[in-house]
Amino acid sequence: LLKSRIPDYKYDTHMGGAIYVFLRGLQDADTGSSETGIYHH
């Protein structure tokens, strides 16, 4: 999609990756790590 829509598309510049949010692993920002429950690749 991005290759067809962005004239100067570059994977390394424009693609951030995949984020999977494991809802049961999220913590309140005031009490825990913001990384818990977030998988990124």
ModelCIF file with pLDDT and N, C-alpha, C, O atoms, coordinates in Angstrom:
data_MODEL
#
_entry.id   MODEL 
#
_entity.id                         1 
_entity.type                       polymer 
_entity.pdbx_number_of_molecules   1 
#
_entity_poly.entity_id                      1 
_entity_poly.type                           'polypeptide(L)' 
_entity_poly.nstd_linkage                   no 
_entity_poly.nstd_monomer                   no 
_entity_poly.pdbx_seq_one_letter_code       LLKSRIPDYKYDTHMGGAIYVFLRGLQDADTGSSETGIYHH 
_entity_poly.pdbx_seq_one_letter_code_can   LLKSRIPDYKYDTHMGGAIYVFLRGLQDADTGSSETGIYHH 
_entity_poly.pdbx_strand_id                 A 
#
loop_
_entity_poly_seq.entity_id 
_entity_poly_seq.num 
_entity_poly_seq.mon_id 
_entity_poly_seq.hetero 
1 1  LEU n 
1 2  LEU n 
1 3  LYS n 
1 4  SER n 
1 5  ARG n 
1 6  ILE n 
1 7  PRO n 
1 8  ASP n 
1 9  TYR n 
1 10 LYS n 
1 11 TYR n 
1 12 ASP n 
1 13 THR n 
1 14 HIS n 
1 15 MET n 
1 16 GLY n 
1 17 GLY n 
1 18 ALA n 
1 19 ILE n 
1 20 TYR n 
1 21 VAL n 
1 22 PHE n 
1 23 LEU n 
1 24 ARG n 
1 25 GLY n 
1 26 LEU n 
1 27 GLN n 
1 28 ASP n 
1 29 ALA n 
1 30 ASP n 
1 31 THR n 
1 32 GLY n 
1 33 SER n 
1 34 SER n 
1 35 GLU n 
1 36 THR n 
1 37 GLY n 
1 38 ILE n 
1 39 TYR n 
1 40 HIS n 
1 41 HIS n 
#
_struct_asym.id          A 
_struct_asym.entity_id   1 
#
loop_
_ma_qa_metric.id 
_ma_qa_metric.mode 
_ma_qa_metric.name 
_ma_qa_metric.software_group_id 
_ma_qa_metric.type 
1 global pLDDT . pLDDT 
2 local  pLDDT . pLDDT 
#
_ma_qa_metric_global.metric_id      1 
_ma_qa_metric_global.metric_value   87.05 
_ma_qa_metric_global.model_id       1 
_ma_qa_metric_global.ordinal_id     1 
#
loop_
_ma_qa_metric_local.label_asym_id 
_ma_qa_metric_local.label_comp_id 
_ma_qa_metric_local.label_seq_id 
_ma_qa_metric_local.metric_id 
_ma_qa_metric_local.metric_value 
_ma_qa_metric_local.model_id 
_ma_qa_metric_local.ordinal_id 
A LEU 1  2 97.00 1 1  
A LEU 2  2 97.00 1 2  
A LYS 3  2 96.00 1 3  
A SER 4  2 96.00 1 4  
A ARG 5  2 96.00 1 5  
A ILE 6  2 96.00 1 6  
A PRO 7  2 95.00 1 7  
A ASP 8  2 96.00 1 8  
A TYR 9  2 97.00 1 9  
A LYS 10 2 97.00 1 10 
A TYR 11 2 97.00 1 11 
A ASP 12 2 96.00 1 12 
A THR 13 2 97.00 1 13 
A HIS 14 2 98.00 1 14 
A MET 15 2 97.00 1 15 
A GLY 16 2 97.00 1 16 
A GLY 17 2 97.00 1 17 
A ALA 18 2 97.00 1 18 
A ILE 19 2 97.00 1 19 
A TYR 20 2 96.00 1 20 
A VAL 21 2 95.00 1 21 
A PHE 22 2 94.00 1 22 
A LEU 23 2 92.00 1 23 
A ARG 24 2 91.00 1 24 
A GLY 25 2 91.00 1 25 
A LEU 26 2 89.00 1 26 
A GLN 27 2 77.00 1 27 
A ASP 28 2 58.00 1 28 
A ALA 29 2 58.00 1 29 
A ASP 30 2 53.00 1 30 
A THR 31 2 55.00 1 31 
A GLY 32 2 55.00 1 32 
A SER 33 2 56.00 1 33 
A SER 34 2 58.00 1 34 
A GLU 35 2 65.00 1 35 
A THR 36 2 78.00 1 36 
A GLY 37 2 92.00 1 37 
A ILE 38 2 93.00 1 38 
A TYR 39 2 95.00 1 39 
A HIS 40 2 96.00 1 40 
A HIS 41 2 96.00 1 41 
#
loop_
_atom_site.group_PDB 
_atom_site.id 
_atom_site.type_symbol 
_atom_site.label_atom_id 
_atom_site.label_alt_id 
_atom_site.label_comp_id 
_atom_site.label_asym_id 
_atom_site.label_entity_id 
_atom_site.label_seq_id 
_atom_site.pdbx_PDB_ins_code 
_atom_site.Cartn_x 
_atom_site.Cartn_y 
_atom_site.Cartn_z 
_atom_site.occupancy 
_atom_site.B_iso_or_equiv 
_atom_site.pdbx_formal_charge 
_atom_site.auth_seq_id 
_atom_site.auth_comp_id 
_atom_site.auth_asym_id 
_atom_site.auth_atom_id 
_atom_site.pdbx_PDB_model_num 
ATOM 1   N N  . LEU A 1 1  ? 0.828  -1.199 0.000  1.00 97.00 ? 1  LEU A N  1 
ATOM 2   C CA . LEU A 1 1  ? 0.000  0.000  0.000  1.00 97.00 ? 1  LEU A CA 1 
ATOM 3   C C  . LEU A 1 1  ? 0.867  1.256  0.000  1.00 97.00 ? 1  LEU A C  1 
ATOM 4   O O  . LEU A 1 1  ? 0.635  2.178  -0.781 1.00 97.00 ? 1  LEU A O  1 
ATOM 5   N N  . LEU A 1 2  ? 1.861  1.285  0.876  1.00 97.00 ? 2  LEU A N  1 
ATOM 6   C CA . LEU A 1 2  ? 2.723  2.459  0.971  1.00 97.00 ? 2  LEU A CA 1 
ATOM 7   C C  . LEU A 1 2  ? 3.527  2.672  -0.311 1.00 97.00 ? 2  LEU A C  1 
ATOM 8   O O  . LEU A 1 2  ? 3.725  3.811  -0.735 1.00 97.00 ? 2  LEU A O  1 
ATOM 9   N N  . LYS A 1 3  ? 3.993  1.579  -0.933 1.00 96.00 ? 3  LYS A N  1 
ATOM 10  C CA . LYS A 1 3  ? 4.716  1.708  -2.210 1.00 96.00 ? 3  LYS A CA 1 
ATOM 11  C C  . LYS A 1 3  ? 3.840  2.347  -3.279 1.00 96.00 ? 3  LYS A C  1 
ATOM 12  O O  . LYS A 1 3  ? 4.328  3.086  -4.134 1.00 96.00 ? 3  LYS A O  1 
ATOM 13  N N  . SER A 1 4  ? 2.544  2.058  -3.226 1.00 96.00 ? 4  SER A N  1 
ATOM 14  C CA . SER A 1 4  ? 1.644  2.601  -4.251 1.00 96.00 ? 4  SER A CA 1 
ATOM 15  C C  . SER A 1 4  ? 1.194  4.027  -3.951 1.00 96.00 ? 4  SER A C  1 
ATOM 16  O O  . SER A 1 4  ? 0.720  4.723  -4.849 1.00 96.00 ? 4  SER A O  1 
ATOM 17  N N  . ARG A 1 5  ? 1.333  4.469  -2.709 1.00 96.00 ? 5  ARG A N  1 
ATOM 18  C CA . ARG A 1 5  ? 0.817  5.782  -2.312 1.00 96.00 ? 5  ARG A CA 1 
ATOM 19  C C  . ARG A 1 5  ? 1.883  6.834  -2.020 1.00 96.00 ? 5  ARG A C  1 
ATOM 20  O O  . ARG A 1 5  ? 1.615  8.031  -2.131 1.00 96.00 ? 5  ARG A O  1 
ATOM 21  N N  . ILE A 1 6  ? 3.077  6.407  -1.652 1.00 96.00 ? 6  ILE A N  1 
ATOM 22  C CA . ILE A 1 6  ? 4.138  7.360  -1.281 1.00 96.00 ? 6  ILE A CA 1 
ATOM 23  C C  . ILE A 1 6  ? 5.205  7.328  -2.370 1.00 96.00 ? 6  ILE A C  1 
ATOM 24  O O  . ILE A 1 6  ? 5.890  6.319  -2.534 1.00 96.00 ? 6  ILE A O  1 
ATOM 25  N N  . PRO A 1 7  ? 5.352  8.423  -3.116 1.00 95.00 ? 7  PRO A N  1 
ATOM 26  C CA . PRO A 1 7  ? 6.288  8.441  -4.255 1.00 95.00 ? 7  PRO A CA 1 
ATOM 27  C C  . PRO A 1 7  ? 7.733  8.083  -3.892 1.00 95.00 ? 7  PRO A C  1 
ATOM 28  O O  . PRO A 1 7  ? 8.405  7.401  -4.666 1.00 95.00 ? 7  PRO A O  1 
ATOM 29  N N  . ASP A 1 8  ? 8.216  8.525  -2.747 1.00 96.00 ? 8  ASP A N  1 
ATOM 30  C CA . ASP A 1 8  ? 9.602  8.256  -2.367 1.00 96.00 ? 8  ASP A CA 1 
ATOM 31  C C  . ASP A 1 8  ? 9.681  7.222  -1.238 1.00 96.00 ? 8  ASP A C  1 
ATOM 32  O O  . ASP A 1 8  ? 10.555 7.296  -0.374 1.00 96.00 ? 8  ASP A O  1 
ATOM 33  N N  . TYR A 1 9  ? 8.756  6.259  -1.261 1.00 97.00 ? 9  TYR A N  1 
ATOM 34  C CA . TYR A 1 9  ? 8.672  5.251  -0.199 1.00 97.00 ? 9  TYR A CA 1 
ATOM 35  C C  . TYR A 1 9  ? 9.988  4.489  -0.045 1.00 97.00 ? 9  TYR A C  1 
ATOM 36  O O  . TYR A 1 9  ? 10.590 4.040  -1.020 1.00 97.00 ? 9  TYR A O  1 
ATOM 37  N N  . LYS A 1 10 ? 10.412 4.361  1.215  1.00 97.00 ? 10 LYS A N  1 
ATOM 38  C CA . LYS A 1 10 ? 11.568 3.551  1.579  1.00 97.00 ? 10 LYS A CA 1 
ATOM 39  C C  . LYS A 1 10 ? 11.191 2.768  2.828  1.00 97.00 ? 10 LYS A C  1 
ATOM 40  O O  . LYS A 1 10 ? 10.762 3.346  3.826  1.00 97.00 ? 10 LYS A O  1 
ATOM 41  N N  . TYR A 1 11 ? 11.351 1.462  2.768  1.00 97.00 ? 11 TYR A N  1 
ATOM 42  C CA . TYR A 1 11 ? 10.971 0.587  3.877  1.00 97.00 ? 11 TYR A CA 1 
ATOM 43  C C  . TYR A 1 11 ? 11.617 1.044  5.184  1.00 97.00 ? 11 TYR A C  1 
ATOM 44  O O  . TYR A 1 11 ? 10.938 1.191  6.200  1.00 97.00 ? 11 TYR A O  1 
ATOM 45  N N  . ASP A 1 12 ? 12.928 1.266  5.152  1.00 96.00 ? 12 ASP A N  1 
ATOM 46  C CA . ASP A 1 12 ? 13.640 1.635  6.386  1.00 96.00 ? 12 ASP A CA 1 
ATOM 47  C C  . ASP A 1 12 ? 13.184 2.962  6.971  1.00 96.00 ? 12 ASP A C  1 
ATOM 48  O O  . ASP A 1 12 ? 13.274 3.173  8.180  1.00 96.00 ? 12 ASP A O  1 
ATOM 49  N N  . THR A 1 13 ? 12.703 3.843  6.132  1.00 97.00 ? 13 THR A N  1 
ATOM 50  C CA . THR A 1 13 ? 12.257 5.159  6.587  1.00 97.00 ? 13 THR A CA 1 
ATOM 51  C C  . THR A 1 13 ? 10.804 5.139  7.038  1.00 97.00 ? 13 THR A C  1 
ATOM 52  O O  . THR A 1 13 ? 10.473 5.703  8.080  1.00 97.00 ? 13 THR A O  1 
ATOM 53  N N  . HIS A 1 14 ? 9.941  4.500  6.273  1.00 98.00 ? 14 HIS A N  1 
ATOM 54  C CA . HIS A 1 14 ? 8.501  4.607  6.485  1.00 98.00 ? 14 HIS A CA 1 
ATOM 55  C C  . HIS A 1 14 ? 7.869  3.467  7.292  1.00 98.00 ? 14 HIS A C  1 
ATOM 56  O O  . HIS A 1 14 ? 6.820  3.665  7.905  1.00 98.00 ? 14 HIS A O  1 
ATOM 57  N N  . MET A 1 15 ? 8.479  2.287  7.303  1.00 97.00 ? 15 MET A N  1 
ATOM 58  C CA . MET A 1 15 ? 7.866  1.134  7.978  1.00 97.00 ? 15 MET A CA 1 
ATOM 59  C C  . MET A 1 15 ? 8.337  1.043  9.423  1.00 97.00 ? 15 MET A C  1 
ATOM 60  O O  . MET A 1 15 ? 9.525  0.866  9.696  1.00 97.00 ? 15 MET A O  1 
ATOM 61  N N  . GLY A 1 16 ? 7.390  1.166  10.336 1.00 97.00 ? 16 GLY A N  1 
ATOM 62  C CA . GLY A 1 16 ? 7.721  1.096  11.750 1.00 97.00 ? 16 GLY A CA 1 
ATOM 63  C C  . GLY A 1 16 ? 7.698  -0.314 12.304 1.00 97.00 ? 16 GLY A C  1 
ATOM 64  O O  . GLY A 1 16 ? 8.361  -0.602 13.301 1.00 97.00 ? 16 GLY A O  1 
ATOM 65  N N  . GLY A 1 17 ? 6.936  -1.202 11.664 1.00 97.00 ? 17 GLY A N  1 
ATOM 66  C CA . GLY A 1 17 ? 6.860  -2.588 12.116 1.00 97.00 ? 17 GLY A CA 1 
ATOM 67  C C  . GLY A 1 17 ? 5.479  -2.957 12.605 1.00 97.00 ? 17 GLY A C  1 
ATOM 68  O O  . GLY A 1 17 ? 4.493  -2.277 12.321 1.00 97.00 ? 17 GLY A O  1 
ATOM 69  N N  . ALA A 1 18 ? 5.429  -4.046 13.344 1.00 97.00 ? 18 ALA A N  1 
ATOM 70  C CA . ALA A 1 18 ? 4.173  -4.570 13.884 1.00 97.00 ? 18 ALA A CA 1 
ATOM 71  C C  . ALA A 1 18 ? 4.179  -4.430 15.404 1.00 97.00 ? 18 ALA A C  1 
ATOM 72  O O  . ALA A 1 18 ? 5.165  -4.746 16.070 1.00 97.00 ? 18 ALA A O  1 
ATOM 73  N N  . ILE A 1 19 ? 3.069  -3.957 15.929 1.00 97.00 ? 19 ILE A N  1 
ATOM 74  C CA . ILE A 1 19 ? 2.897  -3.838 17.374 1.00 97.00 ? 19 ILE A CA 1 
ATOM 75  C C  . ILE A 1 19 ? 1.693  -4.685 17.770 1.00 97.00 ? 19 ILE A C  1 
ATOM 76  O O  . ILE A 1 19 ? 0.593  -4.512 17.246 1.00 97.00 ? 19 ILE A O  1 
ATOM 77  N N  . TYR A 1 20 ? 1.921  -5.597 18.699 1.00 96.00 ? 20 TYR A N  1 
ATOM 78  C CA . TYR A 1 20 ? 0.841  -6.408 19.249 1.00 96.00 ? 20 TYR A CA 1 
ATOM 79  C C  . TYR A 1 20 ? 0.672  -6.011 20.711 1.00 96.00 ? 20 TYR A C  1 
ATOM 80  O O  . TYR A 1 20 ? 1.616  -6.067 21.499 1.00 96.00 ? 20 TYR A O  1 
ATOM 81  N N  . VAL A 1 21 ? -0.541 -5.611 21.055 1.00 95.00 ? 21 VAL A N  1 
ATOM 82  C CA . VAL A 1 21 ? -0.840 -5.172 22.411 1.00 95.00 ? 21 VAL A CA 1 
ATOM 83  C C  . VAL A 1 21 ? -1.597 -6.295 23.110 1.00 95.00 ? 21 VAL A C  1 
ATOM 84  O O  . VAL A 1 21 ? -2.726 -6.618 22.741 1.00 95.00 ? 21 VAL A O  1 
ATOM 85  N N  . PHE A 1 22 ? -0.972 -6.883 24.116 1.00 94.00 ? 22 PHE A N  1 
ATOM 86  C CA . PHE A 1 22 ? -1.603 -7.914 24.927 1.00 94.00 ? 22 PHE A CA 1 
ATOM 87  C C  . PHE A 1 22 ? -2.337 -7.196 26.057 1.00 94.00 ? 22 PHE A C  1 
ATOM 88  O O  . PHE A 1 22 ? -1.740 -6.820 27.067 1.00 94.00 ? 22 PHE A O  1 
ATOM 89  N N  . LEU A 1 23 ? -3.631 -7.015 25.868 1.00 92.00 ? 23 LEU A N  1 
ATOM 90  C CA . LEU A 1 23 ? -4.437 -6.166 26.747 1.00 92.00 ? 23 LEU A CA 1 
ATOM 91  C C  . LEU A 1 23 ? -4.335 -6.550 28.218 1.00 92.00 ? 23 LEU A C  1 
ATOM 92  O O  . LEU A 1 23 ? -4.289 -5.677 29.085 1.00 92.00 ? 23 LEU A O  1 
ATOM 93  N N  . ARG A 1 24 ? -4.298 -7.839 28.506 1.00 91.00 ? 24 ARG A N  1 
ATOM 94  C CA . ARG A 1 24 ? -4.243 -8.278 29.907 1.00 91.00 ? 24 ARG A CA 1 
ATOM 95  C C  . ARG A 1 24 ? -2.898 -7.958 30.551 1.00 91.00 ? 24 ARG A C  1 
ATOM 96  O O  . ARG A 1 24 ? -2.759 -8.036 31.771 1.00 91.00 ? 24 ARG A O  1 
ATOM 97  N N  . GLY A 1 25 ? -1.919 -7.604 29.744 1.00 91.00 ? 25 GLY A N  1 
ATOM 98  C CA . GLY A 1 25 ? -0.593 -7.297 30.264 1.00 91.00 ? 25 GLY A CA 1 
ATOM 99  C C  . GLY A 1 25 ? -0.319 -5.821 30.433 1.00 91.00 ? 25 GLY A C  1 
ATOM 100 O O  . GLY A 1 25 ? 0.748  -5.441 30.915 1.00 91.00 ? 25 GLY A O  1 
ATOM 101 N N  . LEU A 1 26 ? -1.265 -4.980 30.045 1.00 89.00 ? 26 LEU A N  1 
ATOM 102 C CA . LEU A 1 26 ? -1.056 -3.539 30.187 1.00 89.00 ? 26 LEU A CA 1 
ATOM 103 C C  . LEU A 1 26 ? -1.153 -3.124 31.638 1.00 89.00 ? 26 LEU A C  1 
ATOM 104 O O  . LEU A 1 26 ? -1.968 -3.652 32.394 1.00 89.00 ? 26 LEU A O  1 
ATOM 105 N N  . GLN A 1 27 ? -0.316 -2.176 32.020 1.00 77.00 ? 27 GLN A N  1 
ATOM 106 C CA . GLN A 1 27 ? -0.338 -1.652 33.378 1.00 77.00 ? 27 GLN A CA 1 
ATOM 107 C C  . GLN A 1 27 ? -0.727 -0.194 33.343 1.00 77.00 ? 27 GLN A C  1 
ATOM 108 O O  . GLN A 1 27 ? -0.553 0.495  32.338 1.00 77.00 ? 27 GLN A O  1 
ATOM 109 N N  . ASP A 1 28 ? -1.251 0.256  34.446 1.00 58.00 ? 28 ASP A N  1 
ATOM 110 C CA . ASP A 1 28 ? -1.537 1.678  34.615 1.00 58.00 ? 28 ASP A CA 1 
ATOM 111 C C  . ASP A 1 28 ? -0.227 2.440  34.507 1.00 58.00 ? 28 ASP A C  1 
ATOM 112 O O  . ASP A 1 28 ? 0.762  2.068  35.138 1.00 58.00 ? 28 ASP A O  1 
ATOM 113 N N  . ALA A 1 29 ? -0.212 3.490  33.721 1.00 58.00 ? 29 ALA A N  1 
ATOM 114 C CA . ALA A 1 29 ? 1.013  4.275  33.505 1.00 58.00 ? 29 ALA A CA 1 
ATOM 115 C C  . ALA A 1 29 ? 1.607  4.799  34.810 1.00 58.00 ? 29 ALA A C  1 
ATOM 116 O O  . ALA A 1 29 ? 2.816  5.017  34.890 1.00 58.00 ? 29 ALA A O  1 
ATOM 117 N N  . ASP A 1 30 ? 0.775  5.005  35.834 1.00 53.00 ? 30 ASP A N  1 
ATOM 118 C CA . ASP A 1 30 ? 1.268  5.530  37.111 1.00 53.00 ? 30 ASP A CA 1 
ATOM 119 C C  . ASP A 1 30 ? 1.883  4.457  38.004 1.00 53.00 ? 30 ASP A C  1 
ATOM 120 O O  . ASP A 1 30 ? 2.599  4.777  38.952 1.00 53.00 ? 30 ASP A O  1 
ATOM 121 N N  . THR A 1 31 ? 1.607  3.178  37.706 1.00 55.00 ? 31 THR A N  1 
ATOM 122 C CA . THR A 1 31 ? 2.047  2.126  38.618 1.00 55.00 ? 31 THR A CA 1 
ATOM 123 C C  . THR A 1 31 ? 3.033  1.131  38.022 1.00 55.00 ? 31 THR A C  1 
ATOM 124 O O  . THR A 1 31 ? 3.591  0.322  38.763 1.00 55.00 ? 31 THR A O  1 
ATOM 125 N N  . GLY A 1 32 ? 3.269  1.158  36.721 1.00 55.00 ? 32 GLY A N  1 
ATOM 126 C CA . GLY A 1 32 ? 4.153  0.149  36.149 1.00 55.00 ? 32 GLY A CA 1 
ATOM 127 C C  . GLY A 1 32 ? 4.806  0.587  34.861 1.00 55.00 ? 32 GLY A C  1 
ATOM 128 O O  . GLY A 1 32 ? 4.669  1.722  34.405 1.00 55.00 ? 32 GLY A O  1 
ATOM 129 N N  . SER A 1 33 ? 5.508  -0.348 34.304 1.00 56.00 ? 33 SER A N  1 
ATOM 130 C CA . SER A 1 33 ? 6.247  -0.110 33.060 1.00 56.00 ? 33 SER A CA 1 
ATOM 131 C C  . SER A 1 33 ? 5.303  0.011  31.879 1.00 56.00 ? 33 SER A C  1 
ATOM 132 O O  . SER A 1 33 ? 4.342  -0.749 31.759 1.00 56.00 ? 33 SER A O  1 
ATOM 133 N N  . SER A 1 34 ? 5.578  0.957  31.020 1.00 58.00 ? 34 SER A N  1 
ATOM 134 C CA . SER A 1 34 ? 4.763  1.113  29.821 1.00 58.00 ? 34 SER A CA 1 
ATOM 135 C C  . SER A 1 34 ? 5.105  0.053  28.782 1.00 58.00 ? 34 SER A C  1 
ATOM 136 O O  . SER A 1 34 ? 4.412  -0.055 27.771 1.00 58.00 ? 34 SER A O  1 
ATOM 137 N N  . GLU A 1 35 ? 6.157  -0.732 29.007 1.00 65.00 ? 35 GLU A N  1 
ATOM 138 C CA . GLU A 1 35 ? 6.574  -1.780 28.082 1.00 65.00 ? 35 GLU A CA 1 
ATOM 139 C C  . GLU A 1 35 ? 5.805  -3.079 28.294 1.00 65.00 ? 35 GLU A C  1 
ATOM 140 O O  . GLU A 1 35 ? 5.722  -3.893 27.375 1.00 65.00 ? 35 GLU A O  1 
ATOM 141 N N  . THR A 1 36 ? 5.247  -3.292 29.467 1.00 78.00 ? 36 THR A N  1 
ATOM 142 C CA . THR A 1 36 ? 4.564  -4.540 29.776 1.00 78.00 ? 36 THR A CA 1 
ATOM 143 C C  . THR A 1 36 ? 3.333  -4.692 28.884 1.00 78.00 ? 36 THR A C  1 
ATOM 144 O O  . THR A 1 36 ? 2.492  -3.797 28.804 1.00 78.00 ? 36 THR A O  1 
ATOM 145 N N  . GLY A 1 37 ? 3.246  -5.840 28.218 1.00 92.00 ? 37 GLY A N  1 
ATOM 146 C CA . GLY A 1 37 ? 2.096  -6.122 27.371 1.00 92.00 ? 37 GLY A CA 1 
ATOM 147 C C  . GLY A 1 37 ? 2.230  -5.626 25.941 1.00 92.00 ? 37 GLY A C  1 
ATOM 148 O O  . GLY A 1 37 ? 1.302  -5.786 25.147 1.00 92.00 ? 37 GLY A O  1 
ATOM 149 N N  . ILE A 1 38 ? 3.359  -5.029 25.596 1.00 93.00 ? 38 ILE A N  1 
ATOM 150 C CA . ILE A 1 38 ? 3.570  -4.495 24.249 1.00 93.00 ? 38 ILE A CA 1 
ATOM 151 C C  . ILE A 1 38 ? 4.652  -5.322 23.559 1.00 93.00 ? 38 ILE A C  1 
ATOM 152 O O  . ILE A 1 38 ? 5.779  -5.415 24.046 1.00 93.00 ? 38 ILE A O  1 
ATOM 153 N N  . TYR A 1 39 ? 4.301  -5.917 22.426 1.00 95.00 ? 39 TYR A N  1 
ATOM 154 C CA . TYR A 1 39 ? 5.261  -6.680 21.628 1.00 95.00 ? 39 TYR A CA 1 
ATOM 155 C C  . TYR A 1 39 ? 5.477  -5.932 20.318 1.00 95.00 ? 39 TYR A C  1 
ATOM 156 O O  . TYR A 1 39 ? 4.510  -5.625 19.621 1.00 95.00 ? 39 TYR A O  1 
ATOM 157 N N  . HIS A 1 40 ? 6.718  -5.634 19.975 1.00 96.00 ? 40 HIS A N  1 
ATOM 158 C CA . HIS A 1 40 ? 7.034  -4.907 18.744 1.00 96.00 ? 40 HIS A CA 1 
ATOM 159 C C  . HIS A 1 40 ? 8.100  -5.663 17.961 1.00 96.00 ? 40 HIS A C  1 
ATOM 160 O O  . HIS A 1 40 ? 9.074  -6.168 18.520 1.00 96.00 ? 40 HIS A O  1 
ATOM 161 N N  . HIS A 1 41 ? 7.885  -5.723 16.659 1.00 96.00 ? 41 HIS A N  1 
ATOM 162 C CA . HIS A 1 41 ? 8.897  -6.309 15.785 1.00 96.00 ? 41 HIS A CA 1 
ATOM 163 C C  . HIS A 1 41 ? 8.779  -5.673 14.400 1.00 96.00 ? 41 HIS A C  1 
ATOM 164 O O  . HIS A 1 41 ? 9.540  -6.019 13.495 1.00 96.00 ? 41 HIS A O  1 
#
